[in-house]
Amino acid sequence: MLTTHKIHHVQLSDIKQVMMISAWGFTMVVVSFLFLYIGHLLDGILGTSPNFMLGFFILGLFLCMMRLYQEACAKRKAI
């Protein structure tokens, strides 16, 4: 009974980690497209062709990666 509980706990932990990684992947895609769209709108208003679009895209990716790194460091310290 005890070994079954440990195996079940390990499987849930693995599933939780996979779900967390999937959520971060989805977040990165959504933020990338959102920042691309905002940059595209600003470029249309100001007449600066790809400047804001590329800048916001890179900013969005950088912010997501920074937040993912912070969360990974926090989880590492918790272990």
N, C-alpha and C. Protein backbone atom coordinates (compact mmCIF):
# COMPACT_ATOMS: atom_id res chain seq x y z
N MET A 1 0.82 -1.18 0.00
CA MET A 1 0.00 0.00 0.00
C MET A 1 0.87 1.25 0.00
N LEU A 2 1.92 1.25 0.78
CA LEU A 2 2.78 2.41 0.87
C LEU A 2 3.53 2.64 -0.44
N THR A 3 4.03 1.57 -1.07
CA THR A 3 4.76 1.74 -2.33
C THR A 3 3.84 2.24 -3.44
N THR A 4 2.61 1.80 -3.45
CA THR A 4 1.65 2.27 -4.45
C THR A 4 1.43 3.77 -4.29
N HIS A 5 1.33 4.22 -3.07
CA HIS A 5 1.13 5.65 -2.81
C HIS A 5 2.33 6.46 -3.30
N LYS A 6 3.55 5.96 -3.08
CA LYS A 6 4.75 6.67 -3.53
C LYS A 6 4.80 6.73 -5.04
N ILE A 7 4.48 5.64 -5.71
CA ILE A 7 4.50 5.63 -7.17
C ILE A 7 3.46 6.61 -7.71
N HIS A 8 2.29 6.60 -7.12
CA HIS A 8 1.23 7.52 -7.54
C HIS A 8 1.67 8.97 -7.33
N HIS A 9 2.33 9.25 -6.22
CA HIS A 9 2.81 10.61 -5.94
C HIS A 9 3.85 11.04 -6.96
N VAL A 10 4.76 10.15 -7.33
CA VAL A 10 5.80 10.49 -8.31
C VAL A 10 5.16 10.76 -9.66
N GLN A 11 4.17 9.97 -10.06
CA GLN A 11 3.52 10.18 -11.34
C GLN A 11 2.78 11.51 -11.36
N LEU A 12 2.13 11.87 -10.28
CA LEU A 12 1.45 13.17 -10.22
C LEU A 12 2.45 14.31 -10.27
N SER A 13 3.59 14.15 -9.64
CA SER A 13 4.62 15.18 -9.67
C SER A 13 5.14 15.36 -11.10
N ASP A 14 5.36 14.25 -11.81
CA ASP A 14 5.82 14.34 -13.19
C ASP A 14 4.78 15.02 -14.07
N ILE A 15 3.52 14.67 -13.88
CA ILE A 15 2.46 15.27 -14.68
C ILE A 15 2.37 16.76 -14.38
N LYS A 16 2.54 17.13 -13.12
CA LYS A 16 2.49 18.55 -12.74
C LYS A 16 3.62 19.33 -13.42
N GLN A 17 4.82 18.74 -13.49
CA GLN A 17 5.94 19.41 -14.14
C GLN A 17 5.71 19.57 -15.63
N VAL A 18 5.16 18.54 -16.27
CA VAL A 18 4.87 18.63 -17.70
C VAL A 18 3.81 19.69 -17.97
N MET A 19 2.81 19.76 -17.12
CA MET A 19 1.77 20.77 -17.28
C MET A 19 2.33 22.19 -17.09
N MET A 20 3.27 22.34 -16.16
CA MET A 20 3.88 23.65 -15.93
C MET A 20 4.69 24.09 -17.15
N ILE A 21 5.45 23.16 -17.72
CA ILE A 21 6.23 23.48 -18.91
C ILE A 21 5.31 23.82 -20.08
N SER A 22 4.23 23.07 -20.22
CA SER A 22 3.26 23.34 -21.29
C SER A 22 2.63 24.71 -21.11
N ALA A 23 2.30 25.06 -19.89
CA ALA A 23 1.71 26.36 -19.62
C ALA A 23 2.68 27.48 -19.97
N TRP A 24 3.95 27.31 -19.67
CA TRP A 24 4.93 28.33 -20.01
C TRP A 24 5.10 28.45 -21.52
N GLY A 25 5.04 27.32 -22.23
CA GLY A 25 5.11 27.37 -23.69
C GLY A 25 3.94 28.14 -24.27
N PHE A 26 2.74 27.86 -23.77
CA PHE A 26 1.54 28.57 -24.22
C PHE A 26 1.65 30.06 -23.90
N THR A 27 2.13 30.38 -22.72
CA THR A 27 2.29 31.78 -22.32
C THR A 27 3.26 32.51 -23.23
N MET A 28 4.35 31.86 -23.58
CA MET A 28 5.34 32.50 -24.45
C MET A 28 4.75 32.77 -25.84
N VAL A 29 3.96 31.84 -26.36
CA VAL A 29 3.35 32.05 -27.67
C VAL A 29 2.34 33.19 -27.62
N VAL A 30 1.50 33.21 -26.61
CA VAL A 30 0.48 34.26 -26.50
C VAL A 30 1.13 35.63 -26.32
N VAL A 31 2.12 35.71 -25.45
CA VAL A 31 2.80 37.00 -25.22
C VAL A 31 3.52 37.46 -26.48
N SER A 32 4.15 36.54 -27.20
CA SER A 32 4.85 36.90 -28.43
C SER A 32 3.88 37.51 -29.44
N PHE A 33 2.75 36.84 -29.66
CA PHE A 33 1.78 37.37 -30.63
C PHE A 33 1.14 38.66 -30.14
N LEU A 34 0.88 38.77 -28.86
CA LEU A 34 0.29 39.99 -28.32
C LEU A 34 1.24 41.17 -28.50
N PHE A 35 2.50 40.98 -28.16
CA PHE A 35 3.47 42.07 -28.30
C PHE A 35 3.74 42.38 -29.78
N LEU A 36 3.71 41.36 -30.64
CA LEU A 36 3.84 41.61 -32.07
C LEU A 36 2.69 42.48 -32.57
N TYR A 37 1.48 42.15 -32.14
CA TYR A 37 0.30 42.90 -32.57
C TYR A 37 0.34 44.34 -32.07
N ILE A 38 0.71 44.53 -30.81
CA ILE A 38 0.80 45.89 -30.27
C ILE A 38 1.86 46.69 -31.03
N GLY A 39 2.99 46.06 -31.29
CA GLY A 39 4.04 46.73 -32.06
C GLY A 39 3.59 47.06 -33.47
N HIS A 40 2.84 46.15 -34.08
CA HIS A 40 2.33 46.39 -35.43
C HIS A 40 1.36 47.58 -35.42
N LEU A 41 0.50 47.66 -34.41
CA LEU A 41 -0.42 48.80 -34.31
C LEU A 41 0.33 50.11 -34.13
N LEU A 42 1.33 50.10 -33.26
CA LEU A 42 2.12 51.32 -33.05
C LEU A 42 2.87 51.72 -34.32
N ASP A 43 3.39 50.74 -35.03
CA ASP A 43 4.08 51.05 -36.28
C ASP A 43 3.12 51.65 -37.30
N GLY A 44 1.89 51.16 -37.33
CA GLY A 44 0.90 51.72 -38.26
C GLY A 44 0.53 53.15 -37.90
N ILE A 45 0.43 53.43 -36.62
CA ILE A 45 0.06 54.78 -36.18
C ILE A 45 1.21 55.75 -36.40
N LEU A 46 2.43 55.33 -36.05
CA LEU A 46 3.57 56.25 -36.12
C LEU A 46 4.32 56.20 -37.44
N GLY A 47 4.04 55.21 -38.28
CA GLY A 47 4.70 55.12 -39.58
C GLY A 47 6.14 54.62 -39.51
N THR A 48 6.47 53.88 -38.49
CA THR A 48 7.81 53.31 -38.35
C THR A 48 7.71 51.80 -38.63
N SER A 49 8.04 51.43 -39.83
CA SER A 49 7.70 50.11 -40.37
C SER A 49 7.88 48.93 -39.40
N PRO A 50 9.04 48.30 -39.27
CA PRO A 50 9.05 47.14 -38.36
C PRO A 50 9.69 47.42 -37.01
N ASN A 51 9.96 48.66 -36.70
CA ASN A 51 10.74 48.96 -35.49
C ASN A 51 10.05 48.54 -34.21
N PHE A 52 8.86 49.04 -33.97
CA PHE A 52 8.15 48.70 -32.73
C PHE A 52 7.74 47.24 -32.70
N MET A 53 7.37 46.70 -33.87
CA MET A 53 6.93 45.31 -33.92
C MET A 53 8.06 44.38 -33.48
N LEU A 54 9.24 44.57 -34.02
CA LEU A 54 10.38 43.74 -33.62
C LEU A 54 10.82 44.02 -32.19
N GLY A 55 10.80 45.29 -31.81
CA GLY A 55 11.20 45.65 -30.46
C GLY A 55 10.28 45.05 -29.41
N PHE A 56 8.99 45.14 -29.62
CA PHE A 56 8.05 44.57 -28.66
C PHE A 56 8.11 43.05 -28.65
N PHE A 57 8.33 42.44 -29.82
CA PHE A 57 8.46 40.99 -29.88
C PHE A 57 9.64 40.51 -29.05
N ILE A 58 10.78 41.15 -29.22
CA ILE A 58 11.98 40.79 -28.45
C ILE A 58 11.77 41.07 -26.97
N LEU A 59 11.12 42.19 -26.65
CA LEU A 59 10.83 42.51 -25.26
C LEU A 59 9.92 41.45 -24.62
N GLY A 60 8.89 41.03 -25.34
CA GLY A 60 7.98 40.01 -24.83
C GLY A 60 8.68 38.70 -24.56
N LEU A 61 9.53 38.26 -25.50
CA LEU A 61 10.28 37.03 -25.31
C LEU A 61 11.23 37.15 -24.12
N PHE A 62 11.91 38.27 -24.02
CA PHE A 62 12.85 38.48 -22.92
C PHE A 62 12.14 38.45 -21.57
N LEU A 63 10.99 39.11 -21.48
CA LEU A 63 10.26 39.14 -20.21
C LEU A 63 9.75 37.76 -19.82
N CYS A 64 9.29 36.98 -20.80
CA CYS A 64 8.82 35.62 -20.51
C CYS A 64 9.98 34.74 -20.05
N MET A 65 11.10 34.82 -20.73
CA MET A 65 12.26 34.01 -20.37
C MET A 65 12.77 34.40 -18.99
N MET A 66 12.77 35.70 -18.69
CA MET A 66 13.23 36.16 -17.39
C MET A 66 12.31 35.64 -16.28
N ARG A 67 11.01 35.69 -16.50
CA ARG A 67 10.04 35.20 -15.51
C ARG A 67 10.16 33.69 -15.34
N LEU A 68 10.36 32.97 -16.43
CA LEU A 68 10.54 31.52 -16.35
C LEU A 68 11.81 31.18 -15.57
N TYR A 69 12.86 31.93 -15.79
CA TYR A 69 14.12 31.71 -15.06
C TYR A 69 13.93 31.98 -13.58
N GLN A 70 13.22 33.06 -13.24
CA GLN A 70 12.97 33.37 -11.83
C GLN A 70 12.17 32.27 -11.16
N GLU A 71 11.17 31.75 -11.85
CA GLU A 71 10.37 30.68 -11.27
C GLU A 71 11.19 29.40 -11.10
N ALA A 72 12.05 29.10 -12.07
CA ALA A 72 12.90 27.91 -11.96
C ALA A 72 13.87 28.04 -10.79
N CYS A 73 14.43 29.22 -10.59
CA CYS A 73 15.34 29.44 -9.45
C CYS A 73 14.60 29.32 -8.13
N ALA A 74 13.38 29.82 -8.08
CA ALA A 74 12.59 29.71 -6.84
C ALA A 74 12.26 28.25 -6.54
N LYS A 75 11.94 27.48 -7.56
CA LYS A 75 11.64 26.06 -7.35
C LYS A 75 12.90 25.31 -6.94
N ARG A 76 14.05 25.69 -7.48
CA ARG A 76 15.30 25.03 -7.12
C ARG A 76 15.62 25.29 -5.65
N LYS A 77 15.39 26.52 -5.18
CA LYS A 77 15.65 26.84 -3.77
C LYS A 77 14.68 26.13 -2.85
N ALA A 78 13.47 25.86 -3.34
CA ALA A 78 12.47 25.18 -2.51
C ALA A 78 12.79 23.72 -2.30
N ILE A 79 13.60 23.15 -3.17
CA ILE A 79 13.93 21.71 -3.06
C ILE A 79 14.97 21.48 -2.02
